[in-house]
Every structure is written in C-alpha cells, then in structure tokens.
Amino acid sequence: MKTEVLPAFLPDHSINEAAIRKAASLLQGGELVAIPTETVYGLAANALDEAAVAKIFAAKGRPQDNPLIVHIAEFEDLEPLVTEIPEAAKRLAKAFWPGPLTMILPRSPRVPAGVSAGLSTVAIRMPIHPAAAALIRAAGIPLAAPSANLSGSPSPTNAAYVLADMDGRIPLILDGGPSKVGVESTVVTLVGSVPRVLRPGGITVEQLRSVLGEVEVDDAVLHKLKDGAVAASPGMKYKHYAPRADITILKGTLERFCDYVAGKDATILCFQGEESHFAHAVTYGKAHDGASQAARLFDALRELDEQGAKTVYARCPELDGMGLAVYNRLIRAAGFHLVDLDDTEN
C-alpha cells in the first residue's frame, strides 16, 4: 500500500474540499485516514464499523485492551453514542467543546465493544481543528481515532512524523500543519459520584474545577497502573510515548541536576536557555511554562531518536496546570524512572 499525503488546507488557508472528500470516502469505505487535530495527529476509522476499528489496532500494533476515543463534530452527535448525558457533561461541553477535552460516559449499544476495549463506557471528544471538524461532517460518521503513531512511540504532532510511522500501513494522511497543543486531550470520567481525571491534557484540572467544583485526579495520572488493573482511558496502562533511549527524570534544581549529570555520557532533555550547561542537549519548552513544554515534548522525544541518544536525563516539569500533562507523558516515556534530587538519601 502506498500512503498518500494530501494538504488539508489550500494556499489561502481555506479547507481543501477535494482532500476532505477523498478522506471521507475512504472512511465511509472502512479504511483508515490519519487526521490533524489540535492535540496530536489521530488515526481515524468509522467508530461504528467494528472491522474498520480493528484495522486501527493492527496498523498501530496497539494492545486490544487499550480503549479508543470517539470524535464528533456537533453536540447532537453525542446522544446516539451514550445511554445518558449527565448535567456535568453538558456544562463541560458548553465550556470546553470543541477543544481538547474527552468525556467518558456510559456506552450505547450502537458503539462496538472493540472501541472501548470491552468496557461499558465510551470516551468522546469534539476536536476544534477545522480540518478534523470538516472531515467528521463530510463523512457523516463518528471517528474512532487514537494517536497516529506506532504503539508506544511518541505521538506525532505533524504529518512527517505520521508518515515515518505509518508509511505503507494506511492509504492517506491529511496534512493540517503542526498540532498546537502538542499532547493528547484531557480525559475525565463522569461515570461515578465525582468527576475524575484519568489523563491530563490541554484542559487543566484547575479549569475543570472552575466549572464542576470537585474533581478528583486518578492515582494512575502520576503513578504506574497497578498490575491487573483495567485501563479505563487511553494512556494509562502501558509504557507510552517512549523514544528508544533510556530516560531518567531528575527532580530538583538546575544546580543539583548539573551536579548529578556531571561526567555522565548522556543526552540532556532540558528547558530552553539551559542547553549551554550541557555538551549534548535537546530542549522542550520553557521552565515554568507547561503549555510551551507540551507543544515541544513529543517533537523533542523524536529528536532524541534522530540523534541516536542512548541514555537521557530529563528536567522535571512542575505538576500543576499544563505541567501535569507534560509530567504524565514524560514519566511514562521514562518507564517511571525518577530520581528526586531533593531527597537527602539520594
């Protein structure tokens, strides 16, 4: 199979209707299409076609017990996919849809079990990227779409990275330019007495609490999911987002970081402006700026592979705002290897 790459926009920045029509036709025919979103690129299939959804898992090499997210274009598209729309969902949709927020709700029989890895729930979001919205409307179907990368590798934030992973595996990539957010959507489950964040992302915990009041953060956001536990959301269970290098996160001041890595044969993953301290460094955003870190993280992880890095020591982001989403991805890329430099025992 030859993978074609088509621009999602014309030179005047308007939607490339011909490319959208071709992509919609492929999706309606049960094929896969890589699509741009504001978070990362997604690998889309007709969410109501179990055979098409199975192709996503095959193309990515994705474990079957890792649920997918369904993408819609209008709030009215939500009702057939769920058995209940609680008031909290309506409030969140009003505040953050379209945008990088996924809500987990009770799954209707119309959604194949394979989409949700056999769970009784379904994860749904409404992307704000104009090409993604145009494609969903043109296809007339909800789209199941995890990140368009080989399972376990860093999520792709541009069409070139999608092609590197998916060339020959899918018929078409829609090139909509670089993703703006840079990490996947926030996932919040509304099944239960208190809304709970299962994966942080472009909508922060603080923003959710400003709308809903009480919002819990699942223990698996910061820690490895317990053995045998069921993954209720994408990005919870497996080592994710990982380059080939071995990564260790070092938590502490820049001074202590420099002392720890001195004399070590390693590549450093640091913040902009810090690279002059190290012989080999890749930067991922600015210190104290979670949004800039998120926008650069996955590109930086891929750059480590391009440089042939074997051992990497990474500066630790702050665990609030968008920094929580960055830490969530980085700790999984590192296989949960973290050294606390402020711990006197280290």
Protein backbone atom coordinates (compact mmCIF):
# COMPACT_ATOMS: atom_id res chain seq x y z
CA MET A 1 0.00 0.00 0.00
CA LYS A 2 1.30 3.45 -0.93
CA THR A 3 0.47 6.13 1.62
CA GLU A 4 -0.65 9.41 0.06
CA VAL A 5 -0.22 12.75 1.84
CA LEU A 6 -2.69 15.50 0.93
CA PRO A 7 -2.83 19.06 2.28
CA ALA A 8 -5.90 19.72 4.42
CA PHE A 9 -5.76 23.43 3.51
CA LEU A 10 -5.33 25.37 0.31
CA PRO A 11 -2.71 28.16 -0.04
CA ASP A 12 -5.34 30.72 1.00
CA HIS A 13 -5.83 28.71 4.26
CA SER A 14 -9.31 27.54 3.28
CA ILE A 15 -10.28 23.86 3.63
CA ASN A 16 -9.11 21.63 0.79
CA GLU A 17 -12.55 20.26 -0.05
CA ALA A 18 -11.20 17.72 -2.56
CA ALA A 19 -8.89 16.20 0.06
CA ILE A 20 -11.70 16.16 2.62
CA ARG A 21 -14.00 14.36 0.15
CA LYS A 22 -11.35 11.74 -0.60
CA ALA A 23 -10.68 11.17 3.09
CA ALA A 24 -14.41 10.95 3.85
CA SER A 25 -14.90 8.39 1.08
CA LEU A 26 -12.09 6.22 2.45
CA LEU A 27 -13.53 6.36 5.96
CA GLN A 28 -17.02 5.53 4.73
CA GLY A 29 -15.49 2.54 2.92
CA GLY A 30 -13.94 1.15 6.09
CA GLU A 31 -10.39 2.44 5.55
CA LEU A 32 -8.06 4.37 7.85
CA VAL A 33 -7.05 8.03 7.46
CA ALA A 34 -4.55 9.97 9.58
CA ILE A 35 -6.06 13.32 10.51
CA PRO A 36 -4.78 16.53 12.10
CA THR A 37 -6.24 17.67 15.41
CA GLU A 38 -5.27 20.44 17.80
CA THR A 39 -3.74 17.88 20.20
CA VAL A 40 -1.80 15.36 18.08
CA TYR A 41 -2.50 13.60 14.77
CA GLY A 42 -5.12 10.86 15.01
CA LEU A 43 -5.52 7.55 13.15
CA ALA A 44 -9.18 7.62 12.25
CA ALA A 45 -11.74 4.96 11.33
CA ASN A 46 -15.53 4.74 11.31
CA ALA A 47 -16.27 4.29 15.01
CA LEU A 48 -19.46 2.34 14.21
CA ASP A 49 -17.67 -0.22 11.99
CA GLU A 50 -16.02 -2.91 14.11
CA ALA A 51 -13.93 -4.20 11.20
CA ALA A 52 -12.62 -0.72 10.46
CA VAL A 53 -11.80 -0.15 14.13
CA ALA A 54 -9.86 -3.43 14.18
CA LYS A 55 -7.62 -2.01 11.43
CA ILE A 56 -6.53 0.77 13.83
CA PHE A 57 -5.20 -1.78 16.33
CA ALA A 58 -3.43 -3.69 13.53
CA ALA A 59 -1.81 -0.61 11.97
CA LYS A 60 -0.57 0.70 15.32
CA GLY A 61 0.31 -2.63 16.91
CA ARG A 62 -1.95 -1.46 19.74
CA PRO A 63 -2.98 -3.79 22.58
CA GLN A 64 -6.66 -4.74 22.35
CA ASP A 65 -7.35 -3.74 25.97
CA ASN A 66 -6.43 -0.09 25.34
CA PRO A 67 -9.65 1.86 24.62
CA LEU A 68 -10.06 4.42 21.83
CA ILE A 69 -11.58 7.91 21.76
CA VAL A 70 -14.55 8.70 19.51
CA HIS A 71 -14.53 12.09 17.77
CA ILE A 72 -17.69 14.02 16.89
CA ALA A 73 -18.42 17.38 15.26
CA GLU A 74 -21.65 18.51 16.96
CA PHE A 75 -23.05 18.10 20.46
CA GLU A 76 -26.11 16.43 18.88
CA ASP A 77 -23.78 13.65 17.68
CA LEU A 78 -23.25 12.61 21.31
CA GLU A 79 -26.74 11.33 22.10
CA PRO A 80 -26.73 8.17 19.91
CA LEU A 81 -23.37 7.08 21.33
CA VAL A 82 -24.26 7.11 25.04
CA THR A 83 -27.11 5.97 27.29
CA GLU A 84 -27.03 9.08 29.46
CA ILE A 85 -25.81 12.68 29.21
CA PRO A 86 -25.41 13.95 32.78
CA GLU A 87 -25.63 17.63 33.64
CA ALA A 88 -21.87 17.71 34.24
CA ALA A 89 -21.27 16.67 30.62
CA LYS A 90 -23.47 19.48 29.35
CA ARG A 91 -21.62 22.02 31.48
CA LEU A 92 -18.21 20.78 30.34
CA ALA A 93 -19.28 20.72 26.70
CA LYS A 94 -20.52 24.30 26.94
CA ALA A 95 -17.21 25.40 28.47
CA PHE A 96 -14.66 23.36 26.52
CA TRP A 97 -16.15 21.83 23.35
CA PRO A 98 -14.91 21.96 20.71
CA GLY A 99 -11.48 21.51 22.26
CA PRO A 100 -9.00 19.11 23.87
CA LEU A 101 -11.37 17.51 26.38
CA THR A 102 -12.57 13.89 26.33
CA MET A 103 -15.51 12.77 28.46
CA ILE A 104 -16.13 9.16 29.46
CA LEU A 105 -19.83 8.28 29.57
CA PRO A 106 -21.99 5.11 29.55
CA ARG A 107 -21.68 3.46 26.12
CA SER A 108 -24.75 2.84 23.98
CA PRO A 109 -25.14 -0.47 22.09
CA ARG A 110 -24.51 1.42 18.85
CA VAL A 111 -20.80 1.73 19.69
CA PRO A 112 -18.90 -1.52 19.07
CA ALA A 113 -17.34 -3.06 22.16
CA GLY A 114 -13.93 -3.05 20.46
CA VAL A 115 -13.85 0.75 20.52
CA SER A 116 -13.97 0.73 24.32
CA ALA A 117 -11.87 -2.41 24.87
CA GLY A 118 -14.99 -4.19 26.13
CA LEU A 119 -15.82 -1.56 28.76
CA SER A 120 -19.38 -0.37 29.39
CA THR A 121 -18.23 3.20 28.79
CA VAL A 122 -17.10 5.23 25.79
CA ALA A 123 -14.66 8.16 25.55
CA ILE A 124 -15.85 11.03 23.34
CA ARG A 125 -14.46 14.39 22.32
CA MET A 126 -15.13 17.19 19.81
CA PRO A 127 -11.90 18.46 18.18
CA ILE A 128 -11.58 22.15 17.41
CA HIS A 129 -9.18 21.69 14.47
CA PRO A 130 -11.12 22.95 11.40
CA ALA A 131 -9.94 20.13 9.10
CA ALA A 132 -10.92 17.44 11.62
CA ALA A 133 -14.35 19.01 12.11
CA ALA A 134 -14.88 19.35 8.35
CA LEU A 135 -13.94 15.70 7.80
CA ILE A 136 -16.27 14.36 10.50
CA ARG A 137 -19.14 16.37 9.00
CA ALA A 138 -18.31 15.27 5.43
CA ALA A 139 -18.04 11.60 6.40
CA GLY A 140 -21.27 11.78 8.42
CA ILE A 141 -19.97 9.31 10.99
CA PRO A 142 -18.20 9.50 14.36
CA LEU A 143 -14.50 8.68 14.10
CA ALA A 144 -12.51 6.49 16.46
CA ALA A 145 -9.03 8.00 16.46
CA PRO A 146 -6.09 7.26 18.76
CA SER A 147 -2.75 8.95 18.05
CA ALA A 148 -1.37 8.12 14.59
CA ASN A 149 1.88 6.51 15.71
CA LEU A 150 3.18 3.02 16.27
CA SER A 151 2.02 1.94 19.71
CA GLY A 152 4.38 3.03 22.47
CA SER A 153 6.34 5.59 20.44
CA PRO A 154 5.97 9.37 20.81
CA SER A 155 2.69 10.72 19.47
CA PRO A 156 3.03 12.61 16.16
CA THR A 157 2.50 16.36 16.03
CA ASN A 158 2.98 16.75 12.27
CA ALA A 159 2.33 14.78 9.09
CA ALA A 160 6.01 13.91 8.57
CA TYR A 161 6.10 12.01 11.87
CA VAL A 162 2.90 10.18 10.93
CA LEU A 163 4.44 9.15 7.62
CA ALA A 164 7.56 7.92 9.40
CA ASP A 165 5.43 5.51 11.47
CA MET A 166 2.55 4.73 9.11
CA ASP A 167 4.03 4.72 5.59
CA GLY A 168 2.59 1.70 3.79
CA ARG A 169 0.16 0.91 6.62
CA ILE A 170 -2.64 3.36 5.72
CA PRO A 171 -3.87 4.86 2.43
CA LEU A 172 -3.99 8.57 3.32
CA ILE A 173 -2.60 11.25 5.63
CA LEU A 174 -4.28 14.65 5.78
CA ASP A 175 -1.58 17.25 6.43
CA GLY A 176 -3.06 20.04 8.53
CA GLY A 177 0.19 21.52 9.78
CA PRO A 178 1.72 21.22 13.24
CA SER A 179 -0.52 20.43 16.21
CA LYS A 180 -0.90 23.41 18.53
CA VAL A 181 -1.46 21.77 21.92
CA GLY A 182 1.11 19.01 21.40
CA VAL A 183 -0.21 16.43 23.89
CA GLU A 184 -3.40 14.39 23.83
CA SER A 185 -6.71 15.57 25.25
CA THR A 186 -7.64 15.63 28.91
CA VAL A 187 -9.76 12.58 29.78
CA VAL A 188 -12.34 12.92 32.56
CA THR A 189 -14.76 10.18 33.55
CA LEU A 190 -18.27 11.23 34.50
CA VAL A 191 -19.27 7.69 35.45
CA GLY A 192 -19.28 7.80 39.24
CA SER A 193 -20.22 10.15 42.04
CA VAL A 194 -17.30 12.56 41.49
CA PRO A 195 -15.73 13.50 38.11
CA ARG A 196 -12.22 12.05 37.90
CA VAL A 197 -9.34 12.94 35.58
CA LEU A 198 -7.79 9.81 34.10
CA ARG A 199 -5.37 11.61 31.79
CA PRO A 200 -4.37 15.29 31.99
CA GLY A 201 -4.09 17.29 28.79
CA GLY A 202 -4.95 20.57 27.12
CA ILE A 203 -7.74 21.37 29.59
CA THR A 204 -6.24 21.61 33.06
CA VAL A 205 -7.58 20.18 36.30
CA GLU A 206 -7.94 23.75 37.53
CA GLN A 207 -10.15 24.63 34.54
CA LEU A 208 -12.35 21.57 35.14
CA ARG A 209 -12.78 22.51 38.79
CA SER A 210 -13.77 26.04 37.81
CA VAL A 211 -16.79 24.52 36.02
CA LEU A 212 -17.64 21.47 38.12
CA GLY A 213 -16.26 22.22 41.58
CA GLU A 214 -14.99 18.92 42.96
CA VAL A 215 -12.84 16.96 40.51
CA GLU A 216 -10.56 14.10 41.53
CA VAL A 217 -7.27 13.13 39.89
CA ASP A 218 -6.79 9.38 39.41
CA ASP A 219 -3.72 7.87 41.06
CA ALA A 220 -2.64 6.48 37.66
CA VAL A 221 -2.05 10.03 36.39
CA LEU A 222 1.18 10.21 38.41
CA HIS A 223 1.91 6.54 39.07
CA LYS A 224 2.07 3.25 37.22
CA LEU A 225 -1.28 1.48 36.93
CA LYS A 226 -1.40 -1.45 39.32
CA ASP A 227 -0.82 -4.90 37.84
CA GLY A 228 -4.09 -6.45 36.70
CA ALA A 229 -5.98 -3.15 36.82
CA VAL A 230 -8.25 -2.28 33.89
CA ALA A 231 -7.29 0.75 31.78
CA ALA A 232 -10.36 3.00 31.69
CA SER A 233 -8.68 5.52 29.39
CA PRO A 234 -6.02 5.60 26.69
CA GLY A 235 -2.52 6.30 28.00
CA MET A 236 -2.98 4.68 31.42
CA LYS A 237 -1.68 1.15 31.31
CA TYR A 238 1.40 0.78 29.17
CA LYS A 239 4.77 2.43 28.80
CA HIS A 240 3.86 5.17 26.35
CA TYR A 241 5.31 7.98 24.28
CA ALA A 242 8.81 6.49 24.54
CA PRO A 243 11.86 7.04 22.35
CA ARG A 244 14.43 4.25 22.05
CA ALA A 245 16.69 5.87 24.66
CA ASP A 246 16.54 5.07 28.37
CA ILE A 247 15.15 8.17 30.12
CA THR A 248 15.53 9.09 33.78
CA ILE A 249 13.71 12.16 35.13
CA LEU A 250 15.66 14.16 37.70
CA LYS A 251 13.52 16.22 40.06
CA GLY A 252 15.28 19.20 41.62
CA THR A 253 17.01 22.49 40.93
CA LEU A 254 19.13 23.12 37.83
CA GLU A 255 22.23 23.28 40.05
CA ARG A 256 21.58 19.84 41.54
CA PHE A 257 20.70 18.49 38.10
CA CYS A 258 24.04 19.71 36.70
CA ASP A 259 25.92 18.16 39.63
CA TYR A 260 24.18 14.81 39.15
CA VAL A 261 24.84 14.52 35.39
CA ALA A 262 28.42 15.86 35.51
CA GLY A 263 30.78 13.38 33.86
CA LYS A 264 27.99 11.11 32.63
CA ASP A 265 27.83 10.08 28.95
CA ALA A 266 24.25 11.14 28.27
CA THR A 267 21.96 13.44 26.35
CA ILE A 268 20.08 16.02 28.38
CA LEU A 269 16.40 16.89 27.94
CA CYS A 270 16.17 20.38 29.40
CA PHE A 271 14.33 23.69 29.18
CA GLN A 272 15.11 26.47 26.72
CA GLY A 273 18.05 28.55 27.87
CA GLU A 274 19.60 25.71 29.85
CA GLU A 275 21.26 23.89 26.96
CA SER A 276 24.54 25.83 27.32
CA HIS A 277 25.21 23.89 30.54
CA PHE A 278 25.49 20.58 28.68
CA ALA A 279 27.51 19.04 25.85
CA HIS A 280 24.50 17.29 24.28
CA ALA A 281 21.03 18.66 24.91
CA VAL A 282 17.54 18.77 23.44
CA THR A 283 15.08 21.35 24.76
CA TYR A 284 11.35 21.01 25.39
CA GLY A 285 9.79 24.38 26.12
CA LYS A 286 10.45 26.97 28.78
CA ALA A 287 10.80 26.44 32.52
CA HIS A 288 7.58 27.22 34.45
CA ASP A 289 5.61 27.19 31.15
CA GLY A 290 3.65 23.96 30.83
CA ALA A 291 1.96 24.97 27.58
CA SER A 292 5.28 25.52 25.77
CA GLN A 293 6.62 22.25 27.21
CA ALA A 294 3.57 20.37 25.94
CA ALA A 295 3.90 21.87 22.48
CA ARG A 296 7.51 20.65 22.23
CA LEU A 297 7.64 17.42 24.24
CA PHE A 298 6.83 14.79 21.61
CA ASP A 299 8.97 16.51 18.97
CA ALA A 300 11.85 16.55 21.45
CA LEU A 301 11.43 12.84 22.20
CA ARG A 302 11.60 12.05 18.49
CA GLU A 303 14.66 14.27 18.13
CA LEU A 304 16.39 12.12 20.74
CA ASP A 305 15.93 9.14 18.42
CA GLU A 306 17.14 11.14 15.43
CA GLN A 307 20.33 11.98 17.35
CA GLY A 308 20.83 8.35 18.36
CA ALA A 309 20.61 9.10 22.08
CA LYS A 310 21.06 6.05 24.29
CA THR A 311 20.88 7.49 27.83
CA VAL A 312 18.83 10.59 28.63
CA TYR A 313 18.45 12.63 31.80
CA ALA A 314 15.39 14.89 31.79
CA ARG A 315 14.49 18.00 33.73
CA CYS A 316 11.25 17.53 35.65
CA PRO A 317 8.26 19.79 34.84
CA GLU A 318 6.06 21.29 37.52
CA LEU A 319 2.99 19.24 38.45
CA ASP A 320 0.29 21.87 38.03
CA GLY A 321 -1.58 23.38 35.09
CA MET A 322 -0.35 22.00 31.77
CA GLY A 323 2.78 20.83 33.55
CA LEU A 324 0.78 17.91 34.96
CA ALA A 325 0.03 16.70 31.41
CA VAL A 326 3.70 17.03 30.46
CA TYR A 327 4.82 15.09 33.53
CA ASN A 328 2.20 12.40 32.86
CA ARG A 329 3.65 11.80 29.37
CA LEU A 330 7.28 12.12 30.40
CA ILE A 331 7.07 9.72 33.35
CA ARG A 332 5.60 7.07 31.03
CA ALA A 333 8.23 7.72 28.39
CA ALA A 334 10.76 7.17 31.15
CA GLY A 335 9.16 3.92 32.28
CA PHE A 336 8.54 5.60 35.68
CA HIS A 337 12.27 6.09 36.32
CA LEU A 338 12.59 9.18 38.52
CA VAL A 339 15.28 10.39 40.91
CA ASP A 340 14.35 13.03 43.48
CA LEU A 341 17.49 15.13 43.90
CA ASP A 342 15.95 16.85 46.91
CA ASP A 343 15.71 13.52 48.73
CA THR A 344 18.61 13.52 51.17
CA GLU A 345 19.01 9.78 50.76
CA ASN A 346 19.98 10.18 47.11
